[in-house]
Amino acid sequence: MGGPGTTAPAVTAIRQSLAQRRAEAVAAFESDRQPARLLARLVRATDESLRELWQVCALPPGTALAAVGGYGRGELYPHS
């Protein structure tokens, strides 16, 4: 992707997109009241954002990302 000057706006857009996805997950939970679905939606939103960040930051080959805690277990709660 672009150089350092293009990274900050892309990161801001990804952050905003994540906030929107999380809000949509919470709104869906308020309708269906299914905690497992909420957790899965929050994890999916985070996964998507991390994939986007990975592309924007152009991390070097061999770089790894390890999920730990609630995210690693697939249990992201709304205020995690």
N, C-alpha and C. Protein backbone atom coordinates (compact mmCIF):
# COMPACT_ATOMS: atom_id res chain seq x y z
N MET A 1 0.84 -1.17 0.00
CA MET A 1 0.00 0.00 0.00
C MET A 1 0.88 1.24 0.00
N GLY A 2 0.34 2.40 0.26
CA GLY A 2 1.08 3.64 0.20
C GLY A 2 2.07 3.79 1.34
N GLY A 3 2.73 4.94 1.35
CA GLY A 3 3.74 5.21 2.36
C GLY A 3 3.13 5.67 3.67
N PRO A 4 3.99 6.16 4.57
CA PRO A 4 3.52 6.57 5.90
C PRO A 4 2.41 7.61 5.88
N GLY A 5 2.41 8.49 4.89
CA GLY A 5 1.39 9.52 4.81
C GLY A 5 0.00 8.98 4.55
N THR A 6 -0.08 7.78 3.96
CA THR A 6 -1.38 7.19 3.67
C THR A 6 -1.83 6.21 4.75
N THR A 7 -0.94 5.85 5.65
CA THR A 7 -1.28 4.87 6.68
C THR A 7 -2.25 5.43 7.71
N ALA A 8 -2.02 6.64 8.20
CA ALA A 8 -2.86 7.21 9.26
C ALA A 8 -4.32 7.33 8.83
N PRO A 9 -4.63 7.86 7.65
CA PRO A 9 -6.04 7.92 7.25
C PRO A 9 -6.66 6.52 7.11
N ALA A 10 -5.89 5.57 6.61
CA ALA A 10 -6.41 4.20 6.47
C ALA A 10 -6.70 3.60 7.84
N VAL A 11 -5.82 3.82 8.79
CA VAL A 11 -6.03 3.30 10.14
C VAL A 11 -7.26 3.95 10.77
N THR A 12 -7.44 5.24 10.55
CA THR A 12 -8.62 5.94 11.06
C THR A 12 -9.89 5.34 10.47
N ALA A 13 -9.88 5.07 9.18
CA ALA A 13 -11.04 4.48 8.51
C ALA A 13 -11.33 3.08 9.06
N ILE A 14 -10.28 2.30 9.30
CA ILE A 14 -10.46 0.95 9.85
C ILE A 14 -11.03 1.04 11.26
N ARG A 15 -10.54 1.97 12.05
CA ARG A 15 -11.05 2.15 13.42
C ARG A 15 -12.53 2.51 13.39
N GLN A 16 -12.91 3.39 12.49
CA GLN A 16 -14.32 3.79 12.38
C GLN A 16 -15.18 2.61 11.92
N SER A 17 -14.66 1.84 10.98
CA SER A 17 -15.38 0.67 10.49
C SER A 17 -15.58 -0.36 11.60
N LEU A 18 -14.55 -0.56 12.40
CA LEU A 18 -14.66 -1.49 13.53
C LEU A 18 -15.73 -1.00 14.51
N ALA A 19 -15.74 0.27 14.81
CA ALA A 19 -16.74 0.82 15.73
C ALA A 19 -18.15 0.58 15.18
N GLN A 20 -18.31 0.77 13.88
CA GLN A 20 -19.61 0.54 13.24
C GLN A 20 -20.01 -0.94 13.31
N ARG A 21 -19.07 -1.82 13.01
CA ARG A 21 -19.35 -3.27 13.07
C ARG A 21 -19.73 -3.69 14.48
N ARG A 22 -19.00 -3.16 15.47
CA ARG A 22 -19.31 -3.51 16.86
C ARG A 22 -20.69 -2.99 17.25
N ALA A 23 -21.03 -1.78 16.83
CA ALA A 23 -22.35 -1.22 17.13
C ALA A 23 -23.45 -2.06 16.48
N GLU A 24 -23.21 -2.53 15.27
CA GLU A 24 -24.18 -3.39 14.60
C GLU A 24 -24.34 -4.71 15.34
N ALA A 25 -23.25 -5.26 15.85
CA ALA A 25 -23.31 -6.51 16.60
C ALA A 25 -24.14 -6.34 17.88
N VAL A 26 -23.92 -5.23 18.57
CA VAL A 26 -24.67 -4.96 19.80
C VAL A 26 -26.15 -4.75 19.47
N ALA A 27 -26.43 -4.03 18.39
CA ALA A 27 -27.83 -3.81 17.99
C ALA A 27 -28.51 -5.13 17.65
N ALA A 28 -27.79 -6.01 16.97
CA ALA A 28 -28.35 -7.33 16.64
C ALA A 28 -28.63 -8.11 17.92
N PHE A 29 -27.74 -7.99 18.90
CA PHE A 29 -27.94 -8.68 20.18
C PHE A 29 -29.19 -8.15 20.89
N GLU A 30 -29.40 -6.86 20.80
CA GLU A 30 -30.57 -6.28 21.46
C GLU A 30 -31.86 -6.82 20.87
N SER A 31 -31.79 -7.27 19.61
CA SER A 31 -32.96 -7.86 18.96
C SER A 31 -33.10 -9.35 19.25
N ASP A 32 -31.98 -10.08 19.12
CA ASP A 32 -32.09 -11.55 19.22
C ASP A 32 -31.72 -12.12 20.59
N ARG A 33 -31.03 -11.34 21.41
CA ARG A 33 -30.64 -11.77 22.77
C ARG A 33 -29.91 -13.11 22.78
N GLN A 34 -29.05 -13.32 21.79
CA GLN A 34 -28.26 -14.55 21.69
C GLN A 34 -26.80 -14.22 22.00
N PRO A 35 -26.34 -14.47 23.24
CA PRO A 35 -24.98 -14.10 23.62
C PRO A 35 -23.90 -14.73 22.72
N ALA A 36 -24.08 -15.99 22.34
CA ALA A 36 -23.07 -16.65 21.50
C ALA A 36 -22.95 -15.95 20.15
N ARG A 37 -24.06 -15.51 19.61
CA ARG A 37 -24.03 -14.78 18.33
C ARG A 37 -23.34 -13.43 18.50
N LEU A 38 -23.60 -12.76 19.61
CA LEU A 38 -22.94 -11.48 19.88
C LEU A 38 -21.43 -11.67 19.91
N LEU A 39 -20.96 -12.65 20.68
CA LEU A 39 -19.53 -12.88 20.79
C LEU A 39 -18.92 -13.20 19.43
N ALA A 40 -19.60 -14.03 18.65
CA ALA A 40 -19.10 -14.39 17.31
C ALA A 40 -19.05 -13.16 16.41
N ARG A 41 -20.05 -12.31 16.48
CA ARG A 41 -20.07 -11.10 15.64
C ARG A 41 -18.95 -10.15 16.04
N LEU A 42 -18.70 -10.02 17.33
CA LEU A 42 -17.64 -9.14 17.78
C LEU A 42 -16.27 -9.67 17.36
N VAL A 43 -16.08 -10.98 17.45
CA VAL A 43 -14.82 -11.58 17.01
C VAL A 43 -14.66 -11.38 15.50
N ARG A 44 -15.71 -11.62 14.75
CA ARG A 44 -15.65 -11.46 13.29
C ARG A 44 -15.30 -10.00 12.93
N ALA A 45 -15.90 -9.05 13.61
CA ALA A 45 -15.60 -7.63 13.35
C ALA A 45 -14.13 -7.34 13.62
N THR A 46 -13.60 -7.88 14.70
CA THR A 46 -12.20 -7.66 15.04
C THR A 46 -11.29 -8.35 14.04
N ASP A 47 -11.64 -9.58 13.66
CA ASP A 47 -10.86 -10.30 12.65
C ASP A 47 -10.76 -9.50 11.36
N GLU A 48 -11.88 -8.99 10.90
CA GLU A 48 -11.90 -8.21 9.65
C GLU A 48 -11.02 -6.97 9.77
N SER A 49 -11.11 -6.30 10.89
CA SER A 49 -10.30 -5.09 11.08
C SER A 49 -8.81 -5.41 11.14
N LEU A 50 -8.47 -6.50 11.81
CA LEU A 50 -7.06 -6.88 11.88
C LEU A 50 -6.51 -7.27 10.52
N ARG A 51 -7.32 -7.95 9.71
CA ARG A 51 -6.88 -8.27 8.35
C ARG A 51 -6.61 -6.99 7.55
N GLU A 52 -7.50 -6.02 7.69
CA GLU A 52 -7.33 -4.75 6.99
C GLU A 52 -6.06 -4.03 7.47
N LEU A 53 -5.85 -4.00 8.78
CA LEU A 53 -4.66 -3.37 9.33
C LEU A 53 -3.39 -4.06 8.85
N TRP A 54 -3.44 -5.38 8.79
CA TRP A 54 -2.28 -6.17 8.35
C TRP A 54 -1.87 -5.71 6.94
N GLN A 55 -2.88 -5.53 6.08
CA GLN A 55 -2.61 -5.10 4.70
C GLN A 55 -2.06 -3.68 4.67
N VAL A 56 -2.67 -2.79 5.41
CA VAL A 56 -2.25 -1.38 5.41
C VAL A 56 -0.83 -1.22 5.94
N CYS A 57 -0.50 -1.95 6.98
CA CYS A 57 0.81 -1.79 7.62
C CYS A 57 1.91 -2.54 6.89
N ALA A 58 1.54 -3.41 5.96
CA ALA A 58 2.51 -4.16 5.17
C ALA A 58 3.61 -4.75 6.06
N LEU A 59 3.19 -5.58 6.99
CA LEU A 59 4.14 -6.19 7.91
C LEU A 59 5.09 -7.13 7.16
N PRO A 60 6.33 -7.23 7.64
CA PRO A 60 7.31 -8.04 6.93
C PRO A 60 6.98 -9.54 6.98
N PRO A 61 7.46 -10.28 5.98
CA PRO A 61 7.25 -11.73 5.99
C PRO A 61 7.77 -12.33 7.29
N GLY A 62 7.08 -13.34 7.76
CA GLY A 62 7.47 -14.00 9.00
C GLY A 62 6.85 -13.39 10.23
N THR A 63 6.16 -12.27 10.08
CA THR A 63 5.50 -11.63 11.21
C THR A 63 4.27 -12.45 11.59
N ALA A 64 4.03 -12.61 12.86
CA ALA A 64 2.88 -13.37 13.34
C ALA A 64 2.03 -12.52 14.27
N LEU A 65 0.77 -12.86 14.31
CA LEU A 65 -0.16 -12.20 15.22
C LEU A 65 -0.80 -13.29 16.07
N ALA A 66 -0.69 -13.17 17.37
CA ALA A 66 -1.25 -14.17 18.27
C ALA A 66 -2.40 -13.56 19.06
N ALA A 67 -3.52 -14.24 19.03
CA ALA A 67 -4.69 -13.79 19.79
C ALA A 67 -4.67 -14.46 21.15
N VAL A 68 -4.83 -13.68 22.20
CA VAL A 68 -4.83 -14.21 23.55
C VAL A 68 -6.06 -13.70 24.30
N GLY A 69 -6.26 -14.20 25.47
CA GLY A 69 -7.36 -13.75 26.31
C GLY A 69 -8.71 -14.04 25.67
N GLY A 70 -9.65 -13.14 25.90
CA GLY A 70 -11.00 -13.33 25.37
C GLY A 70 -11.02 -13.43 23.86
N TYR A 71 -10.20 -12.63 23.20
CA TYR A 71 -10.16 -12.69 21.74
C TYR A 71 -9.63 -14.05 21.28
N GLY A 72 -8.60 -14.53 21.90
CA GLY A 72 -8.04 -15.83 21.56
C GLY A 72 -9.04 -16.96 21.77
N ARG A 73 -9.90 -16.81 22.77
CA ARG A 73 -10.93 -17.82 23.04
C ARG A 73 -12.17 -17.62 22.18
N GLY A 74 -12.21 -16.52 21.44
CA GLY A 74 -13.39 -16.21 20.63
C GLY A 74 -14.52 -15.66 21.47
N GLU A 75 -14.17 -14.97 22.55
CA GLU A 75 -15.16 -14.44 23.48
C GLU A 75 -14.92 -12.95 23.73
N LEU A 76 -15.15 -12.14 22.72
CA LEU A 76 -15.01 -10.70 22.89
C LEU A 76 -16.34 -10.14 23.36
N TYR A 77 -16.33 -9.52 24.51
CA TYR A 77 -17.54 -8.90 25.03
C TYR A 77 -17.60 -7.44 24.59
N PRO A 78 -18.75 -6.81 24.63
CA PRO A 78 -18.89 -5.46 24.09
C PRO A 78 -17.89 -4.42 24.60
N HIS A 79 -17.43 -4.54 25.82
CA HIS A 79 -16.51 -3.53 26.34
C HIS A 79 -15.08 -4.04 26.45
N SER A 80 -14.80 -5.12 25.74
CA SER A 80 -13.43 -5.66 25.74
C SER A 80 -12.55 -4.80 24.86
